[in-house]
Amino acid sequence: MAPVKPKKVTRKLRPAPNASPGAPLVPAAQPSPTVDLADQLHSAAIHLLRRLRIRDRESGVGPAQLSALSVLVFGGPKSLGELADAEQVRPPTMSRIVASLERSRLLRRLATEDGRRVRLEATPLGVTLMWEGRQRRAESLARAVGELPENERNQLREALKLLQQVIRNL
């Protein structure tokens, strides 16, 4: 049986009680506990990625280029259209990103057997750059996780299993 998709939740926004003029708006109604949990998880995921992404500056490559290169390193060679779809950008935007990566010698274009299409592939330099960046982010995260007591690290391991299940269900 296919999983049931939740209804789209539309929340009206209003000023918070006793808020000063110009204060951020807040949801008018209290969301369900599941929606609230999902919202907190979403926020935590975004904050985690933003904090870890700071380490990517050390690579000297911009975020859009790193993201596209990551698709090729961890997902294998792709056509320009496949890469644009994976990154949710239009092909002309991806063409500019690819040109920048190619100038930096982080990716190369490979002709297909029929010669009609081109496959994009990370170069050894691009692969090394991505693995080093992944290691920097993992080390930063490991330092923060290492500061937790053992019982909380165990709780985090269990929560990670649940998170992976949630990701599979998306």
N, C-alpha and C. Protein backbone atom coordinates (compact mmCIF):
# COMPACT_ATOMS: atom_id res chain seq x y z
N MET A 1 0.84 -1.16 0.00
CA MET A 1 0.00 0.00 0.00
C MET A 1 0.89 1.24 0.00
N ALA A 2 0.55 2.21 -0.83
CA ALA A 2 1.34 3.44 -0.91
C ALA A 2 1.12 4.27 0.34
N PRO A 3 2.17 4.98 0.78
CA PRO A 3 1.99 5.83 1.96
C PRO A 3 1.00 6.95 1.67
N VAL A 4 0.23 7.31 2.67
CA VAL A 4 -0.74 8.39 2.54
C VAL A 4 -0.02 9.71 2.69
N LYS A 5 -0.21 10.57 1.70
CA LYS A 5 0.42 11.88 1.76
C LYS A 5 -0.46 12.80 2.60
N PRO A 6 0.15 13.56 3.51
CA PRO A 6 -0.65 14.48 4.32
C PRO A 6 -1.20 15.60 3.45
N LYS A 7 -2.34 16.13 3.88
CA LYS A 7 -2.91 17.26 3.17
C LYS A 7 -1.98 18.46 3.30
N LYS A 8 -1.99 19.28 2.27
CA LYS A 8 -1.18 20.50 2.32
C LYS A 8 -1.74 21.40 3.40
N VAL A 9 -0.86 21.86 4.26
CA VAL A 9 -1.28 22.70 5.38
C VAL A 9 -1.02 24.15 5.02
N THR A 10 -2.10 24.92 5.03
CA THR A 10 -1.97 26.34 4.78
C THR A 10 -2.29 27.05 6.09
N ARG A 11 -1.34 27.81 6.58
CA ARG A 11 -1.55 28.50 7.84
C ARG A 11 -1.61 29.99 7.59
N LYS A 12 -2.61 30.62 8.18
CA LYS A 12 -2.69 32.07 8.12
C LYS A 12 -1.73 32.64 9.14
N LEU A 13 -1.13 33.76 8.78
CA LEU A 13 -0.16 34.41 9.67
C LEU A 13 -0.78 35.64 10.30
N ARG A 14 -0.37 35.91 11.52
CA ARG A 14 -0.85 37.07 12.25
C ARG A 14 0.28 37.58 13.13
N PRO A 15 0.19 38.83 13.57
CA PRO A 15 1.21 39.30 14.51
C PRO A 15 1.08 38.53 15.83
N ALA A 16 2.19 38.30 16.47
CA ALA A 16 2.17 37.64 17.78
C ALA A 16 1.48 38.56 18.79
N PRO A 17 0.85 37.97 19.81
CA PRO A 17 0.24 38.83 20.83
C PRO A 17 1.28 39.78 21.42
N ASN A 18 0.90 41.01 21.61
CA ASN A 18 1.76 42.05 22.20
C ASN A 18 3.02 42.31 21.37
N ALA A 19 2.97 41.98 20.08
CA ALA A 19 4.14 42.20 19.22
C ALA A 19 4.23 43.67 18.85
N SER A 20 5.47 44.12 18.70
CA SER A 20 5.67 45.50 18.25
C SER A 20 5.45 45.57 16.75
N PRO A 21 5.15 46.76 16.23
CA PRO A 21 4.96 46.88 14.77
C PRO A 21 6.21 46.43 14.02
N GLY A 22 6.01 45.68 12.96
CA GLY A 22 7.12 45.20 12.15
C GLY A 22 7.70 43.87 12.63
N ALA A 23 7.16 43.33 13.73
CA ALA A 23 7.65 42.04 14.24
C ALA A 23 7.25 40.94 13.25
N PRO A 24 7.99 39.84 13.24
CA PRO A 24 7.65 38.74 12.33
C PRO A 24 6.25 38.20 12.62
N LEU A 25 5.61 37.72 11.58
CA LEU A 25 4.30 37.12 11.73
C LEU A 25 4.44 35.68 12.20
N VAL A 26 3.43 35.18 12.89
CA VAL A 26 3.44 33.81 13.39
C VAL A 26 2.18 33.11 12.89
N PRO A 27 2.16 31.76 12.86
CA PRO A 27 0.96 31.05 12.44
C PRO A 27 -0.22 31.40 13.33
N ALA A 28 -1.42 31.55 12.73
CA ALA A 28 -2.61 31.93 13.47
C ALA A 28 -3.13 30.78 14.31
N ALA A 29 -3.04 29.56 13.82
CA ALA A 29 -3.56 28.41 14.55
C ALA A 29 -2.41 27.49 14.92
N GLN A 30 -2.59 26.76 15.99
CA GLN A 30 -1.58 25.80 16.43
C GLN A 30 -1.59 24.62 15.47
N PRO A 31 -0.42 24.26 14.88
CA PRO A 31 -0.39 23.11 13.97
C PRO A 31 -0.53 21.81 14.76
N SER A 32 -0.83 20.74 14.03
CA SER A 32 -0.91 19.43 14.68
C SER A 32 0.47 19.07 15.21
N PRO A 33 0.54 18.17 16.20
CA PRO A 33 1.85 17.76 16.73
C PRO A 33 2.77 17.19 15.64
N THR A 34 2.21 16.48 14.67
CA THR A 34 3.05 15.91 13.60
C THR A 34 3.61 17.00 12.71
N VAL A 35 2.79 17.98 12.36
CA VAL A 35 3.26 19.10 11.54
C VAL A 35 4.29 19.91 12.31
N ASP A 36 4.06 20.09 13.60
CA ASP A 36 5.02 20.83 14.43
C ASP A 36 6.36 20.10 14.48
N LEU A 37 6.33 18.78 14.67
CA LEU A 37 7.56 17.99 14.68
C LEU A 37 8.28 18.08 13.33
N ALA A 38 7.52 17.95 12.24
CA ALA A 38 8.11 18.05 10.90
C ALA A 38 8.73 19.43 10.69
N ASP A 39 8.08 20.47 11.17
CA ASP A 39 8.60 21.83 11.02
C ASP A 39 9.90 21.99 11.81
N GLN A 40 9.96 21.45 13.02
CA GLN A 40 11.19 21.53 13.82
C GLN A 40 12.32 20.72 13.17
N LEU A 41 12.00 19.56 12.62
CA LEU A 41 13.00 18.74 11.94
C LEU A 41 13.54 19.48 10.72
N HIS A 42 12.65 20.08 9.95
CA HIS A 42 13.05 20.86 8.78
C HIS A 42 13.99 21.98 9.17
N SER A 43 13.62 22.70 10.21
CA SER A 43 14.45 23.82 10.67
C SER A 43 15.82 23.33 11.14
N ALA A 44 15.84 22.24 11.91
CA ALA A 44 17.12 21.71 12.40
C ALA A 44 18.01 21.27 11.25
N ALA A 45 17.43 20.63 10.24
CA ALA A 45 18.21 20.17 9.08
C ALA A 45 18.84 21.36 8.36
N ILE A 46 18.07 22.41 8.17
CA ILE A 46 18.59 23.60 7.49
C ILE A 46 19.72 24.23 8.31
N HIS A 47 19.51 24.37 9.60
CA HIS A 47 20.55 24.98 10.45
C HIS A 47 21.82 24.13 10.47
N LEU A 48 21.66 22.82 10.54
CA LEU A 48 22.82 21.93 10.53
C LEU A 48 23.61 22.10 9.23
N LEU A 49 22.92 22.08 8.10
CA LEU A 49 23.62 22.22 6.82
C LEU A 49 24.28 23.57 6.67
N ARG A 50 23.62 24.62 7.13
CA ARG A 50 24.22 25.96 7.04
C ARG A 50 25.51 26.04 7.86
N ARG A 51 25.49 25.48 9.05
CA ARG A 51 26.69 25.54 9.90
C ARG A 51 27.82 24.70 9.33
N LEU A 52 27.49 23.55 8.76
CA LEU A 52 28.54 22.70 8.18
C LEU A 52 29.06 23.29 6.86
N ARG A 53 28.19 23.97 6.14
CA ARG A 53 28.58 24.54 4.84
C ARG A 53 29.67 25.60 4.98
N ILE A 54 29.81 26.17 6.16
CA ILE A 54 30.88 27.15 6.40
C ILE A 54 32.24 26.54 6.06
N ARG A 55 32.40 25.26 6.35
CA ARG A 55 33.67 24.57 6.06
C ARG A 55 33.95 24.48 4.56
N ASP A 56 32.90 24.58 3.74
CA ASP A 56 33.07 24.49 2.29
C ASP A 56 33.83 25.68 1.71
N ARG A 57 33.84 26.79 2.43
CA ARG A 57 34.57 27.97 1.95
C ARG A 57 36.05 27.67 1.76
N GLU A 58 36.56 26.72 2.54
CA GLU A 58 37.98 26.37 2.47
C GLU A 58 38.35 25.76 1.13
N SER A 59 37.36 25.28 0.38
CA SER A 59 37.65 24.65 -0.92
C SER A 59 37.96 25.69 -1.99
N GLY A 60 37.47 26.93 -1.79
CA GLY A 60 37.68 27.96 -2.80
C GLY A 60 36.71 27.86 -3.97
N VAL A 61 35.72 26.98 -3.87
CA VAL A 61 34.74 26.78 -4.93
C VAL A 61 33.37 27.20 -4.37
N GLY A 62 32.56 27.84 -5.22
CA GLY A 62 31.25 28.33 -4.79
C GLY A 62 30.26 27.22 -4.49
N PRO A 63 29.21 27.55 -3.73
CA PRO A 63 28.23 26.54 -3.32
C PRO A 63 27.51 25.86 -4.49
N ALA A 64 27.14 26.59 -5.52
CA ALA A 64 26.45 25.97 -6.66
C ALA A 64 27.36 24.98 -7.38
N GLN A 65 28.62 25.36 -7.54
CA GLN A 65 29.57 24.46 -8.19
C GLN A 65 29.82 23.22 -7.33
N LEU A 66 29.97 23.41 -6.02
CA LEU A 66 30.18 22.27 -5.13
C LEU A 66 28.99 21.32 -5.15
N SER A 67 27.81 21.87 -5.17
CA SER A 67 26.61 21.03 -5.18
C SER A 67 26.54 20.20 -6.46
N ALA A 68 26.79 20.82 -7.60
CA ALA A 68 26.77 20.08 -8.87
C ALA A 68 27.88 19.04 -8.91
N LEU A 69 29.06 19.41 -8.45
CA LEU A 69 30.18 18.48 -8.43
C LEU A 69 29.88 17.29 -7.52
N SER A 70 29.20 17.56 -6.42
CA SER A 70 28.82 16.50 -5.49
C SER A 70 27.93 15.46 -6.17
N VAL A 71 27.01 15.92 -6.99
CA VAL A 71 26.13 14.99 -7.72
C VAL A 71 26.96 14.07 -8.60
N LEU A 72 27.97 14.62 -9.26
CA LEU A 72 28.80 13.81 -10.15
C LEU A 72 29.74 12.88 -9.38
N VAL A 73 30.30 13.36 -8.28
CA VAL A 73 31.24 12.54 -7.51
C VAL A 73 30.51 11.40 -6.82
N PHE A 74 29.39 11.69 -6.18
CA PHE A 74 28.71 10.67 -5.40
C PHE A 74 27.60 9.95 -6.16
N GLY A 75 27.23 10.48 -7.34
CA GLY A 75 26.17 9.85 -8.13
C GLY A 75 26.62 9.34 -9.48
N GLY A 76 27.84 9.66 -9.88
CA GLY A 76 28.36 9.19 -11.15
C GLY A 76 28.09 10.16 -12.29
N PRO A 77 28.69 9.87 -13.47
CA PRO A 77 28.55 10.76 -14.63
C PRO A 77 27.09 10.99 -15.02
N LYS A 78 26.82 12.18 -15.52
CA LYS A 78 25.46 12.57 -15.91
C LYS A 78 25.54 13.43 -17.17
N SER A 79 24.43 13.51 -17.87
CA SER A 79 24.31 14.47 -18.96
C SER A 79 24.03 15.84 -18.33
N LEU A 80 24.15 16.88 -19.12
CA LEU A 80 23.87 18.22 -18.62
C LEU A 80 22.43 18.30 -18.14
N GLY A 81 21.49 17.74 -18.89
CA GLY A 81 20.08 17.76 -18.50
C GLY A 81 19.83 17.02 -17.21
N GLU A 82 20.46 15.87 -17.04
CA GLU A 82 20.30 15.09 -15.81
C GLU A 82 20.86 15.86 -14.62
N LEU A 83 21.99 16.52 -14.82
CA LEU A 83 22.60 17.29 -13.75
C LEU A 83 21.72 18.49 -13.40
N ALA A 84 21.18 19.16 -14.42
CA ALA A 84 20.28 20.30 -14.17
C ALA A 84 19.04 19.84 -13.40
N ASP A 85 18.48 18.69 -13.78
CA ASP A 85 17.32 18.15 -13.06
C ASP A 85 17.68 17.84 -11.61
N ALA A 86 18.82 17.20 -11.41
CA ALA A 86 19.24 16.84 -10.05
C ALA A 86 19.41 18.07 -9.17
N GLU A 87 19.89 19.16 -9.77
CA GLU A 87 20.14 20.39 -9.02
C GLU A 87 18.94 21.34 -9.05
N GLN A 88 17.90 20.94 -9.76
CA GLN A 88 16.67 21.74 -9.87
C GLN A 88 16.94 23.15 -10.41
N VAL A 89 17.74 23.19 -11.47
CA VAL A 89 17.99 24.45 -12.18
C VAL A 89 17.75 24.23 -13.66
N ARG A 90 17.68 25.30 -14.41
CA ARG A 90 17.47 25.20 -15.86
C ARG A 90 18.80 24.89 -16.54
N PRO A 91 18.75 24.22 -17.69
CA PRO A 91 19.99 23.89 -18.40
C PRO A 91 20.93 25.06 -18.66
N PRO A 92 20.44 26.26 -19.03
CA PRO A 92 21.40 27.36 -19.22
C PRO A 92 22.18 27.71 -17.94
N THR A 93 21.51 27.64 -16.81
CA THR A 93 22.20 27.88 -15.53
C THR A 93 23.24 26.81 -15.29
N MET A 94 22.86 25.54 -15.55
CA MET A 94 23.80 24.45 -15.34
C MET A 94 24.97 24.56 -16.31
N SER A 95 24.74 25.04 -17.52
CA SER A 95 25.84 25.22 -18.48
C SER A 95 26.89 26.16 -17.92
N ARG A 96 26.47 27.24 -17.26
CA ARG A 96 27.42 28.18 -16.67
C ARG A 96 28.18 27.54 -15.51
N ILE A 97 27.47 26.76 -14.69
CA ILE A 97 28.12 26.08 -13.56
C ILE A 97 29.14 25.08 -14.09
N VAL A 98 28.76 24.31 -15.10
CA VAL A 98 29.65 23.30 -15.69
C VAL A 98 30.87 23.97 -16.30
N ALA A 99 30.67 25.09 -17.00
CA ALA A 99 31.80 25.80 -17.61
C ALA A 99 32.81 26.23 -16.54
N SER A 100 32.30 26.71 -15.41
CA SER A 100 33.18 27.13 -14.32
C SER A 100 33.95 25.94 -13.75
N LEU A 101 33.26 24.81 -13.56
CA LEU A 101 33.92 23.60 -13.05
C LEU A 101 34.95 23.07 -14.04
N GLU A 102 34.64 23.20 -15.30
CA GLU A 102 35.57 22.73 -16.34
C GLU A 102 36.82 23.61 -16.37
N ARG A 103 36.64 24.93 -16.25
CA ARG A 103 37.79 25.84 -16.22
C ARG A 103 38.69 25.54 -15.02
N SER A 104 38.07 25.11 -13.93
CA SER A 104 38.84 24.78 -12.72
C SER A 104 39.39 23.37 -12.75
N ARG A 105 39.16 22.66 -13.84
CA ARG A 105 39.63 21.28 -14.03
C ARG A 105 39.05 20.32 -12.99
N LEU A 106 37.79 20.60 -12.56
CA LEU A 106 37.13 19.74 -11.58
C LEU A 106 36.18 18.76 -12.26
N LEU A 107 35.83 19.04 -13.51
CA LEU A 107 35.03 18.09 -14.28
C LEU A 107 35.47 18.11 -15.72
N ARG A 108 35.09 17.06 -16.43
CA ARG A 108 35.42 16.97 -17.86
C ARG A 108 34.20 16.45 -18.60
N ARG A 109 34.17 16.76 -19.88
CA ARG A 109 33.10 16.28 -20.76
C ARG A 109 33.61 15.05 -21.50
N LEU A 110 32.79 14.02 -21.53
CA LEU A 110 33.14 12.79 -22.24
C LEU A 110 32.10 12.54 -23.33
N ALA A 111 32.56 12.26 -24.53
CA ALA A 111 31.63 11.92 -25.61
C ALA A 111 31.08 10.52 -25.38
N THR A 112 29.82 10.33 -25.71
CA THR A 112 29.23 9.00 -25.61
C THR A 112 29.63 8.19 -26.84
N GLU A 113 29.35 6.89 -26.80
CA GLU A 113 29.74 6.02 -27.91
C GLU A 113 29.16 6.47 -29.23
N ASP A 114 27.92 6.94 -29.24
CA ASP A 114 27.32 7.38 -30.50
C ASP A 114 27.76 8.77 -30.90
N GLY A 115 28.45 9.47 -30.01
CA GLY A 115 28.99 10.78 -30.33
C GLY A 115 27.96 11.89 -30.35
N ARG A 116 26.71 11.58 -30.03
CA ARG A 116 25.67 12.60 -30.09
C ARG A 116 25.46 13.32 -28.77
N ARG A 117 25.88 12.72 -27.68
CA ARG A 117 25.68 13.33 -26.37
C ARG A 117 27.01 13.44 -25.64
N VAL A 118 26.96 14.21 -24.59
CA VAL A 118 28.16 14.40 -23.76
C VAL A 118 27.79 14.00 -22.34
N ARG A 119 28.68 13.30 -21.70
CA ARG A 119 28.53 12.96 -20.29
C ARG A 119 29.50 13.83 -19.50
N LEU A 120 29.06 14.27 -18.35
CA LEU A 120 29.89 15.07 -17.46
C LEU A 120 30.40 14.17 -16.36
N GLU A 121 31.70 14.27 -16.09
CA GLU A 121 32.33 13.40 -15.10
C GLU A 121 33.30 14.23 -14.26
N ALA A 122 33.33 13.95 -12.97
CA ALA A 122 34.29 14.62 -12.10
C ALA A 122 35.69 14.12 -12.44
N THR A 123 36.66 15.02 -12.41
CA THR A 123 38.06 14.64 -12.61
C THR A 123 38.61 14.13 -11.28
N PRO A 124 39.78 13.51 -11.28
CA PRO A 124 40.38 13.11 -10.00
C PRO A 124 40.54 14.30 -9.04
N LEU A 125 40.85 15.47 -9.57
CA LEU A 125 40.96 16.67 -8.73
C LEU A 125 39.60 17.00 -8.09
N GLY A 126 38.54 16.89 -8.88
CA GLY A 126 37.19 17.15 -8.37
C GLY A 126 36.78 16.15 -7.31
N VAL A 127 37.11 14.88 -7.54
CA VAL A 127 36.79 13.83 -6.56
C VAL A 127 37.52 14.10 -5.25
N THR A 128 38.79 14.42 -5.35
CA THR A 128 39.59 14.71 -4.15
C THR A 128 39.02 15.90 -3.39
N LEU A 129 38.67 16.96 -4.11
CA LEU A 129 38.12 18.16 -3.49
C LEU A 129 36.84 17.82 -2.72
N MET A 130 35.95 17.01 -3.32
CA MET A 130 34.69 16.66 -2.66
C MET A 130 34.93 15.80 -1.42
N TRP A 131 35.81 14.81 -1.52
CA TRP A 131 36.05 13.94 -0.36
C TRP A 131 36.72 14.71 0.77
N GLU A 132 37.61 15.65 0.43
CA GLU A 132 38.23 16.46 1.48
C GLU A 132 37.19 17.35 2.16
N GLY A 133 36.28 17.92 1.38
CA GLY A 133 35.21 18.75 1.94
C GLY A 133 34.28 17.94 2.83
N ARG A 134 33.96 16.74 2.38
CA ARG A 134 33.09 15.87 3.18
C ARG A 134 33.79 15.52 4.50
N GLN A 135 35.08 15.28 4.45
CA GLN A 135 35.84 14.96 5.65
C GLN A 135 35.86 16.16 6.61
N ARG A 136 36.04 17.37 6.09
CA ARG A 136 36.03 18.56 6.95
C ARG A 136 34.68 18.71 7.65
N ARG A 137 33.58 18.54 6.90
CA ARG A 137 32.26 18.66 7.50
C ARG A 137 32.03 17.57 8.54
N ALA A 138 32.42 16.34 8.23
CA ALA A 138 32.24 15.22 9.17
C ALA A 138 33.06 15.45 10.44
N GLU A 139 34.27 15.98 10.31
CA GLU A 139 35.10 16.25 11.49
C GLU A 139 34.48 17.33 12.36
N SER A 140 33.92 18.36 11.74
CA SER A 140 33.24 19.41 12.51
C SER A 140 32.06 18.83 13.27
N LEU A 141 31.29 18.02 12.59
CA LEU A 141 30.13 17.40 13.22
C LEU A 141 30.56 16.42 14.31
N ALA A 142 31.64 15.68 14.06
CA ALA A 142 32.14 14.72 15.05
C ALA A 142 32.56 15.43 16.33
N ARG A 143 33.18 16.61 16.20
CA ARG A 143 33.58 17.37 17.40
C ARG A 143 32.35 17.73 18.23
N ALA A 144 31.30 18.19 17.56
CA ALA A 144 30.08 18.58 18.28
C ALA A 144 29.40 17.36 18.90
N VAL A 145 29.31 16.27 18.17
CA VAL A 145 28.70 15.05 18.68
C VAL A 145 29.53 14.48 19.83
N GLY A 146 30.85 14.57 19.70
CA GLY A 146 31.75 14.06 20.74
C GLY A 146 31.59 14.76 22.07
N GLU A 147 31.04 15.96 22.07
CA GLU A 147 30.82 16.69 23.32
C GLU A 147 29.59 16.20 24.08
N LEU A 148 28.77 15.40 23.41
CA LEU A 148 27.58 14.86 24.07
C LEU A 148 27.96 13.70 24.98
N PRO A 149 27.22 13.52 26.07
CA PRO A 149 27.46 12.33 26.90
C PRO A 149 27.12 11.06 26.10
N GLU A 150 27.69 9.95 26.50
CA GLU A 150 27.51 8.68 25.77
C GLU A 150 26.04 8.32 25.59
N ASN A 151 25.22 8.50 26.63
CA ASN A 151 23.80 8.14 26.50
C ASN A 151 23.10 8.99 25.44
N GLU A 152 23.48 10.26 25.30
CA GLU A 152 22.88 11.11 24.28
C GLU A 152 23.39 10.75 22.89
N ARG A 153 24.64 10.33 22.79
CA ARG A 153 25.15 9.85 21.49
C ARG A 153 24.38 8.59 21.08
N ASN A 154 24.06 7.72 22.02
CA ASN A 154 23.26 6.53 21.72
C ASN A 154 21.85 6.92 21.27
N GLN A 155 21.27 7.93 21.92
CA GLN A 155 19.96 8.42 21.51
C GLN A 155 20.02 8.97 20.09
N LEU A 156 21.10 9.67 19.79
CA LEU A 156 21.29 10.23 18.46
C LEU A 156 21.40 9.12 17.41
N ARG A 157 22.09 8.04 17.74
CA ARG A 157 22.19 6.89 16.83
C ARG A 157 20.81 6.32 16.52
N GLU A 158 19.99 6.19 17.55
CA GLU A 158 18.63 5.68 17.36
C GLU A 158 17.79 6.65 16.54
N ALA A 159 17.92 7.93 16.83
CA ALA A 159 17.17 8.95 16.08
C ALA A 159 17.60 8.95 14.61
N LEU A 160 18.87 8.70 14.36
CA LEU A 160 19.38 8.65 13.00
C LEU A 160 18.70 7.53 12.20
N LYS A 161 18.47 6.40 12.84
CA LYS A 161 17.76 5.30 12.16
C LYS A 161 16.36 5.75 11.76
N LEU A 162 15.69 6.45 12.65
CA LEU A 162 14.35 6.96 12.34
C LEU A 162 14.40 8.00 11.23
N LEU A 163 15.39 8.86 11.28
CA LEU A 163 15.54 9.89 10.25
C LEU A 163 15.75 9.25 8.88
N GLN A 164 16.56 8.21 8.82
CA GLN A 164 16.79 7.51 7.55
C GLN A 164 15.49 6.88 7.04
N GLN A 165 14.67 6.38 7.95
CA GLN A 165 13.37 5.83 7.55
C GLN A 165 12.46 6.93 7.01
N VAL A 166 12.45 8.07 7.67
CA VAL A 166 11.65 9.20 7.20
C VAL A 166 12.10 9.62 5.81
N ILE A 167 13.41 9.68 5.58
CA ILE A 167 13.94 10.08 4.27
C ILE A 167 13.50 9.08 3.19
N ARG A 168 13.53 7.79 3.51
CA ARG A 168 13.07 6.80 2.53
C ARG A 168 11.60 6.97 2.20
N ASN A 169 10.81 7.48 3.14
CA ASN A 169 9.38 7.64 2.92
C ASN A 169 9.01 8.93 2.19
N LEU A 170 9.96 9.81 1.97
CA LEU A 170 9.65 11.07 1.26
C LEU A 170 9.47 10.82 -0.22
